[in-house]
Amino acid sequence: MEVYHAKVDASKLDGVIDLPEEFKNQQVKLIVIRDLMPKKPKDPERIEAAIQRLTGIIPKSSPYQNMTLDQIREERLSEKYGIKFAD
């Protein structure tokens, strides 16, 4: 098992680890051990559902479906503010 340990000033850990008050302004020994528990695999169904929610924002029958983001932006600016863009 790989272990890392070092003596550090507790103030360097402020905001990273919540230490008790009595550790403030003291030297502490920091021990880091790698977590050997396997990561839980991502749920592909939840990922696909999230993608569908995002891609479903613009309906397939929408005229925006075949437009680039720049084209949509130009159209919205011209509608809202009357700005005309050069072709």
N, C-alpha and C. Protein backbone atom coordinates (compact mmCIF):
# COMPACT_ATOMS: atom_id res chain seq x y z
N MET A 1 0.85 -1.17 0.00
CA MET A 1 0.00 0.00 0.00
C MET A 1 0.90 1.24 0.00
N GLU A 2 0.58 2.17 -0.89
CA GLU A 2 1.35 3.41 -0.97
C GLU A 2 0.82 4.41 0.05
N VAL A 3 1.75 5.02 0.78
CA VAL A 3 1.40 6.00 1.79
C VAL A 3 2.31 7.20 1.63
N TYR A 4 1.73 8.38 1.75
CA TYR A 4 2.51 9.62 1.72
C TYR A 4 2.31 10.28 3.07
N HIS A 5 3.41 10.72 3.68
CA HIS A 5 3.26 11.46 4.94
C HIS A 5 4.28 12.59 4.96
N ALA A 6 3.86 13.68 5.57
CA ALA A 6 4.73 14.86 5.66
C ALA A 6 4.28 15.71 6.84
N LYS A 7 5.24 16.44 7.41
CA LYS A 7 4.91 17.42 8.44
C LYS A 7 4.68 18.74 7.73
N VAL A 8 3.56 19.37 8.04
CA VAL A 8 3.22 20.65 7.42
C VAL A 8 2.66 21.59 8.48
N ASP A 9 2.71 22.87 8.17
CA ASP A 9 2.10 23.85 9.03
C ASP A 9 0.59 23.77 8.82
N ALA A 10 -0.18 23.72 9.89
CA ALA A 10 -1.63 23.56 9.79
C ALA A 10 -2.28 24.70 9.02
N SER A 11 -1.66 25.87 9.01
CA SER A 11 -2.25 26.99 8.28
C SER A 11 -2.29 26.73 6.78
N LYS A 12 -1.40 25.88 6.28
CA LYS A 12 -1.41 25.53 4.85
C LYS A 12 -2.62 24.67 4.50
N LEU A 13 -3.20 24.03 5.48
CA LEU A 13 -4.37 23.18 5.23
C LEU A 13 -5.68 23.91 5.45
N ASP A 14 -5.58 25.16 5.89
CA ASP A 14 -6.79 25.96 6.14
C ASP A 14 -7.60 26.10 4.86
N GLY A 15 -8.85 25.77 4.93
CA GLY A 15 -9.72 25.84 3.76
C GLY A 15 -9.73 24.55 2.95
N VAL A 16 -8.82 23.64 3.25
CA VAL A 16 -8.78 22.35 2.57
C VAL A 16 -9.35 21.26 3.46
N ILE A 17 -8.91 21.28 4.72
CA ILE A 17 -9.36 20.31 5.71
C ILE A 17 -9.81 21.09 6.94
N ASP A 18 -10.96 20.73 7.49
CA ASP A 18 -11.43 21.36 8.72
C ASP A 18 -10.67 20.75 9.89
N LEU A 19 -9.81 21.55 10.49
CA LEU A 19 -9.03 21.07 11.62
C LEU A 19 -9.56 21.68 12.91
N PRO A 20 -9.39 20.98 14.02
CA PRO A 20 -9.78 21.55 15.32
C PRO A 20 -8.97 22.80 15.63
N GLU A 21 -9.53 23.68 16.44
CA GLU A 21 -8.87 24.94 16.80
C GLU A 21 -7.48 24.72 17.40
N GLU A 22 -7.32 23.68 18.21
CA GLU A 22 -6.03 23.46 18.87
C GLU A 22 -4.92 23.08 17.89
N PHE A 23 -5.29 22.76 16.63
CA PHE A 23 -4.28 22.44 15.62
C PHE A 23 -3.76 23.70 14.93
N LYS A 24 -4.48 24.81 15.06
CA LYS A 24 -4.09 26.05 14.39
C LYS A 24 -2.70 26.48 14.84
N ASN A 25 -1.91 26.97 13.90
CA ASN A 25 -0.54 27.45 14.16
C ASN A 25 0.35 26.36 14.75
N GLN A 26 0.10 25.13 14.41
CA GLN A 26 0.89 24.00 14.89
C GLN A 26 1.43 23.22 13.68
N GLN A 27 2.46 22.46 13.92
CA GLN A 27 2.92 21.51 12.92
C GLN A 27 2.04 20.27 13.05
N VAL A 28 1.58 19.75 11.92
CA VAL A 28 0.77 18.53 11.93
C VAL A 28 1.38 17.54 10.97
N LYS A 29 1.12 16.29 11.20
CA LYS A 29 1.59 15.25 10.29
C LYS A 29 0.42 14.89 9.39
N LEU A 30 0.66 15.00 8.11
CA LEU A 30 -0.36 14.72 7.10
C LEU A 30 -0.05 13.34 6.51
N ILE A 31 -1.02 12.46 6.57
CA ILE A 31 -0.87 11.11 6.02
C ILE A 31 -1.92 10.93 4.94
N VAL A 32 -1.48 10.54 3.76
CA VAL A 32 -2.38 10.34 2.63
C VAL A 32 -2.27 8.89 2.18
N ILE A 33 -3.41 8.22 2.15
CA ILE A 33 -3.47 6.84 1.69
C ILE A 33 -4.44 6.77 0.52
N ARG A 34 -4.01 6.14 -0.53
CA ARG A 34 -4.85 6.03 -1.72
C ARG A 34 -6.07 5.16 -1.42
N ASP A 35 -7.23 5.59 -1.89
CA ASP A 35 -8.47 4.84 -1.72
C ASP A 35 -8.49 3.74 -2.76
N LEU A 36 -8.52 2.51 -2.31
CA LEU A 36 -8.47 1.38 -3.23
C LEU A 36 -9.84 0.86 -3.64
N MET A 37 -10.88 1.53 -3.17
CA MET A 37 -12.24 1.12 -3.55
C MET A 37 -12.46 1.48 -5.01
N PRO A 38 -13.00 0.57 -5.79
CA PRO A 38 -13.23 0.89 -7.20
C PRO A 38 -14.30 1.97 -7.34
N LYS A 39 -14.11 2.82 -8.34
CA LYS A 39 -15.10 3.86 -8.59
C LYS A 39 -16.36 3.24 -9.15
N LYS A 40 -17.47 3.81 -8.75
CA LYS A 40 -18.75 3.34 -9.25
C LYS A 40 -18.86 3.76 -10.72
N PRO A 41 -19.16 2.82 -11.60
CA PRO A 41 -19.27 3.20 -13.02
C PRO A 41 -20.46 4.13 -13.24
N LYS A 42 -20.31 4.99 -14.23
CA LYS A 42 -21.39 5.92 -14.57
C LYS A 42 -22.57 5.13 -15.13
N ASP A 43 -23.76 5.57 -14.80
CA ASP A 43 -24.97 4.93 -15.28
C ASP A 43 -25.25 5.42 -16.70
N PRO A 44 -25.06 4.57 -17.71
CA PRO A 44 -25.25 5.03 -19.09
C PRO A 44 -26.66 5.51 -19.39
N GLU A 45 -27.65 4.97 -18.71
CA GLU A 45 -29.03 5.40 -18.95
C GLU A 45 -29.24 6.83 -18.47
N ARG A 46 -28.67 7.18 -17.31
CA ARG A 46 -28.80 8.55 -16.81
C ARG A 46 -28.05 9.53 -17.70
N ILE A 47 -26.89 9.12 -18.20
CA ILE A 47 -26.13 9.99 -19.09
C ILE A 47 -26.91 10.23 -20.37
N GLU A 48 -27.48 9.18 -20.94
CA GLU A 48 -28.26 9.32 -22.17
C GLU A 48 -29.49 10.19 -21.95
N ALA A 49 -30.14 10.04 -20.81
CA ALA A 49 -31.32 10.87 -20.49
C ALA A 49 -30.93 12.34 -20.40
N ALA A 50 -29.78 12.63 -19.79
CA ALA A 50 -29.32 14.02 -19.68
C ALA A 50 -29.02 14.58 -21.06
N ILE A 51 -28.39 13.80 -21.91
CA ILE A 51 -28.09 14.26 -23.27
C ILE A 51 -29.38 14.52 -24.03
N GLN A 52 -30.36 13.65 -23.88
CA GLN A 52 -31.64 13.84 -24.57
C GLN A 52 -32.35 15.10 -24.09
N ARG A 53 -32.24 15.40 -22.79
CA ARG A 53 -32.86 16.62 -22.28
C ARG A 53 -32.20 17.84 -22.91
N LEU A 54 -30.88 17.79 -23.05
CA LEU A 54 -30.18 18.93 -23.62
C LEU A 54 -30.41 19.05 -25.12
N THR A 55 -30.34 17.94 -25.84
CA THR A 55 -30.51 18.01 -27.29
C THR A 55 -31.97 18.21 -27.67
N GLY A 56 -32.87 17.91 -26.77
CA GLY A 56 -34.29 18.08 -27.06
C GLY A 56 -34.78 19.50 -26.87
N ILE A 57 -33.89 20.42 -26.54
CA ILE A 57 -34.30 21.81 -26.32
C ILE A 57 -34.82 22.42 -27.61
N ILE A 58 -34.16 22.12 -28.73
CA ILE A 58 -34.61 22.61 -30.03
C ILE A 58 -35.34 21.46 -30.72
N PRO A 59 -36.65 21.60 -30.94
CA PRO A 59 -37.41 20.51 -31.57
C PRO A 59 -36.89 20.24 -32.98
N LYS A 60 -37.01 18.98 -33.41
CA LYS A 60 -36.53 18.58 -34.74
C LYS A 60 -37.27 19.32 -35.85
N SER A 61 -38.50 19.73 -35.61
CA SER A 61 -39.27 20.42 -36.64
C SER A 61 -38.98 21.92 -36.66
N SER A 62 -38.12 22.37 -35.77
CA SER A 62 -37.80 23.79 -35.66
C SER A 62 -36.94 24.25 -36.83
N PRO A 63 -37.15 25.50 -37.28
CA PRO A 63 -36.29 26.03 -38.34
C PRO A 63 -34.86 26.22 -37.86
N TYR A 64 -34.66 26.23 -36.53
CA TYR A 64 -33.32 26.41 -35.98
C TYR A 64 -32.47 25.14 -36.04
N GLN A 65 -33.10 24.02 -36.37
CA GLN A 65 -32.40 22.74 -36.34
C GLN A 65 -31.18 22.73 -37.27
N ASN A 66 -31.27 23.39 -38.41
CA ASN A 66 -30.17 23.37 -39.38
C ASN A 66 -29.35 24.65 -39.37
N MET A 67 -29.49 25.45 -38.31
CA MET A 67 -28.75 26.70 -38.22
C MET A 67 -27.59 26.56 -37.25
N THR A 68 -26.53 27.32 -37.51
CA THR A 68 -25.42 27.35 -36.57
C THR A 68 -25.78 28.30 -35.43
N LEU A 69 -24.99 28.23 -34.35
CA LEU A 69 -25.24 29.13 -33.23
C LEU A 69 -25.06 30.59 -33.64
N ASP A 70 -24.09 30.86 -34.51
CA ASP A 70 -23.89 32.23 -34.98
C ASP A 70 -25.10 32.73 -35.77
N GLN A 71 -25.67 31.86 -36.59
CA GLN A 71 -26.85 32.26 -37.37
C GLN A 71 -28.04 32.54 -36.45
N ILE A 72 -28.23 31.70 -35.45
CA ILE A 72 -29.33 31.91 -34.50
C ILE A 72 -29.10 33.21 -33.74
N ARG A 73 -27.87 33.46 -33.30
CA ARG A 73 -27.55 34.68 -32.57
C ARG A 73 -27.84 35.91 -33.42
N GLU A 74 -27.41 35.89 -34.69
CA GLU A 74 -27.65 37.02 -35.59
C GLU A 74 -29.14 37.26 -35.78
N GLU A 75 -29.91 36.18 -35.94
CA GLU A 75 -31.35 36.33 -36.13
C GLU A 75 -32.00 36.94 -34.89
N ARG A 76 -31.63 36.46 -33.72
CA ARG A 76 -32.20 36.99 -32.48
C ARG A 76 -31.84 38.46 -32.28
N LEU A 77 -30.59 38.84 -32.57
CA LEU A 77 -30.18 40.23 -32.41
C LEU A 77 -30.91 41.13 -33.40
N SER A 78 -31.11 40.65 -34.63
CA SER A 78 -31.82 41.48 -35.61
C SER A 78 -33.29 41.63 -35.23
N GLU A 79 -33.91 40.58 -34.67
CA GLU A 79 -35.31 40.66 -34.24
C GLU A 79 -35.47 41.59 -33.04
N LYS A 80 -34.59 41.43 -32.06
CA LYS A 80 -34.74 42.17 -30.82
C LYS A 80 -34.27 43.60 -30.90
N TYR A 81 -33.13 43.83 -31.58
CA TYR A 81 -32.52 45.16 -31.59
C TYR A 81 -32.48 45.81 -32.96
N GLY A 82 -32.93 45.11 -33.98
CA GLY A 82 -32.92 45.67 -35.32
C GLY A 82 -31.53 45.74 -35.94
N ILE A 83 -30.60 44.97 -35.41
CA ILE A 83 -29.24 44.96 -35.94
C ILE A 83 -29.19 44.14 -37.21
N LYS A 84 -28.65 44.71 -38.26
CA LYS A 84 -28.51 44.00 -39.53
C LYS A 84 -27.06 43.58 -39.72
N PHE A 85 -26.85 42.34 -40.10
CA PHE A 85 -25.51 41.82 -40.31
C PHE A 85 -25.23 41.69 -41.79
N ALA A 86 -23.98 41.91 -42.17
CA ALA A 86 -23.56 41.75 -43.57
C ALA A 86 -23.49 40.26 -43.89
N ASP A 87 -23.84 39.92 -45.11
CA ASP A 87 -23.78 38.50 -45.53
C ASP A 87 -22.41 38.09 -45.91
